[in-house]
Protein backbone atom coordinates (compact mmCIF):
# COMPACT_ATOMS: atom_id res chain seq x y z
CA MET A 1 113.36 114.68 105.98
CA PRO A 2 109.97 113.11 106.75
CA LYS A 3 108.30 111.25 103.89
CA THR A 4 104.77 111.49 105.32
CA GLY A 5 102.73 114.61 105.84
CA LYS A 6 100.36 115.56 108.65
CA ASN A 7 97.59 113.65 106.86
CA GLY A 8 99.61 110.42 107.20
CA HIS A 9 100.16 110.05 103.46
CA ALA A 10 103.36 110.20 101.44
CA ILE A 11 104.69 113.61 100.45
CA GLY A 12 105.02 113.36 96.67
CA ASP A 13 108.29 115.17 96.14
CA GLU A 14 109.95 113.45 99.14
CA ILE A 15 109.68 109.89 97.80
CA PRO A 16 111.67 108.24 94.97
CA SER A 17 110.45 108.86 91.43
CA THR A 18 109.47 105.21 90.89
CA LEU A 19 107.09 105.56 93.82
CA GLN A 20 105.73 108.87 92.55
CA ARG A 21 104.49 106.87 89.53
CA SER A 22 102.99 104.15 91.76
CA ASP A 23 99.70 103.75 93.62
CA LYS A 24 98.96 105.44 96.96
CA LYS A 25 99.43 102.23 98.96
CA ALA A 26 102.96 101.77 97.62
CA GLN A 27 103.78 105.40 98.36
CA ASP A 28 102.37 105.25 101.89
CA THR A 29 104.02 101.89 102.67
CA PHE A 30 107.43 103.27 101.73
CA ALA A 31 106.95 106.65 103.41
CA LYS A 32 105.59 105.36 106.72
CA THR A 33 108.24 102.66 106.99
CA TYR A 34 110.98 105.15 106.11
CA ASP A 35 109.85 107.61 108.76
CA SER A 36 109.66 104.85 111.37
CA ALA A 37 113.13 103.59 110.39
CA VAL A 38 114.55 107.11 110.69
CA GLU A 39 113.41 107.19 114.31
CA GLU A 40 115.15 103.85 114.91
CA TYR A 41 118.31 104.13 112.77
CA GLY A 42 118.61 107.79 111.77
CA ASP A 43 118.21 109.34 108.33
CA GLY A 44 120.15 107.61 105.60
CA GLU A 45 120.78 104.44 103.67
CA ARG A 46 119.63 102.02 106.38
CA ALA A 47 116.26 103.76 106.66
CA ALA A 48 115.84 103.63 102.88
CA ARG A 49 116.79 99.93 102.74
CA THR A 50 114.27 99.18 105.49
CA ALA A 51 111.53 101.05 103.61
CA TYR A 52 112.28 99.24 100.35
CA ALA A 53 112.28 95.89 102.17
CA ALA A 54 108.78 96.59 103.50
CA LEU A 55 107.61 97.76 100.08
CA LYS A 56 108.93 94.59 98.40
CA HIS A 57 106.72 92.47 100.65
CA THR A 58 103.55 94.03 99.22
CA HIS A 59 104.64 95.35 95.81
CA GLU A 60 106.85 94.43 92.87
CA LYS A 61 108.66 96.70 90.45
CA VAL A 62 107.23 96.59 86.93
CA GLY A 63 108.94 98.93 84.51
CA ASP A 64 109.23 102.39 86.03
CA HIS A 65 106.75 101.93 88.92
CA TRP A 66 105.61 99.56 91.69
CA GLU A 67 102.48 97.37 91.45
CA ALA A 68 100.68 95.50 94.24
CA LYS A 69 101.46 91.79 94.48
CA ASP A 70 98.68 89.21 94.48
CA GLU A 71 100.05 87.82 97.76
CA SER A 72 102.25 89.50 100.37
CA GLY A 73 105.62 88.00 101.18
CA PRO A 74 109.32 88.28 100.49
CA SER A 75 110.20 88.98 96.88
CA ASP A 76 113.63 87.34 96.70
CA ALA A 77 116.28 85.42 98.64
CA LYS A 78 117.61 88.59 100.27
CA ALA A 79 114.16 89.63 101.51
CA ALA A 80 113.45 86.14 102.80
CA GLY A 81 116.72 86.02 104.73
CA GLY A 82 116.56 89.51 106.19
CA ARG A 83 119.36 91.88 107.06
CA GLY A 84 122.78 90.30 106.79
CA SER A 85 121.58 87.32 104.75
CA GLY A 86 123.72 86.06 101.92
CA GLY A 87 120.94 85.98 99.34
CA ASP A 88 120.83 88.19 96.27
CA THR A 89 118.30 90.95 95.73
CA ALA A 90 116.26 91.01 92.54
CA GLY A 91 115.84 94.79 92.56
CA GLY A 92 112.11 94.75 93.22
CA VAL A 93 111.30 91.88 90.87
CA ASN A 94 109.10 89.31 92.60
CA ALA A 95 111.57 86.44 92.10
CA ASN A 96 109.44 84.20 94.34
CA ALA A 97 106.48 84.47 91.95
CA THR A 98 105.56 81.64 89.60
CA LYS A 99 107.21 81.37 86.22
CA GLU A 100 103.82 82.08 84.66
CA HIS A 101 103.53 85.34 86.59
CA LEU A 102 107.05 86.37 85.60
CA TYR A 103 106.26 85.52 81.99
CA GLY A 104 103.24 87.84 82.19
CA VAL A 105 105.38 90.67 83.55
CA ALA A 106 107.97 90.02 80.82
CA SER A 107 105.17 90.15 78.26
CA GLU A 108 103.92 93.46 79.69
CA LEU A 109 107.48 94.83 79.39
CA ASP A 110 107.78 93.40 75.84
CA ILE A 111 110.92 91.39 76.62
CA SER A 112 111.96 89.44 73.55
CA GLY A 113 112.84 85.75 73.85
CA ARG A 114 110.78 85.38 77.03
CA SER A 115 109.06 82.18 75.91
CA LYS A 116 112.37 80.29 75.94
CA MET A 117 113.66 81.72 79.23
CA THR A 118 114.01 79.90 82.54
CA LYS A 119 112.54 81.44 85.66
CA GLU A 120 115.95 82.84 86.65
CA GLU A 121 116.47 84.30 83.18
CA LEU A 122 113.04 85.95 83.34
CA VAL A 123 113.93 87.55 86.70
CA ASP A 124 117.20 88.90 85.27
CA ALA A 125 115.53 90.16 82.08
CA ILE A 126 112.73 91.86 84.04
CA GLN A 127 115.25 93.51 86.36
CA LYS A 128 117.19 94.88 83.36
CA ALA A 129 113.99 96.06 81.67
CA ASN A 130 112.88 97.77 84.90
CA GLU A 131 116.20 99.62 85.15
CA LYS A 132 115.91 100.71 81.51
CA GLU A 133 112.32 101.92 81.95
CA THR A 134 113.23 103.82 85.13
CA ARG A 135 116.16 105.56 83.38
CA ARG A 136 113.88 106.46 80.49
CA ALA A 137 111.19 107.84 82.80
CA ARG A 138 113.71 109.98 84.70
CA GLU A 139 114.94 111.53 81.44
CA ARG A 140 111.46 112.79 80.55
């Protein structure tokens, strides 16, 4: 099912709920990449993974939605290595950001104990908080 309409923008009810709560650029990035990947790989998981990979270069997951990054680039070891790499994914968290940036995101998500966390601990805590916020938003 195409994710973009005739106007070239994302079709709201065709994209994941986290993107429905995100800005237009995030929605369009995902939708256009997904549609292009469907032409290349067919509809399914590989097309969705490709679309998320593109999205993670320009956006990061914060709570139950995606926000634009200050600088484009891979968000974690998996994104940096590409398909088939051995790196781990951070689930949309911009693990390549500075510790200060991650601390700010953790503060926005009201993660307790953040001031004593290492960069890796902040990434893990943000990922867990994001999953919790997404579950909560889907229940509404």
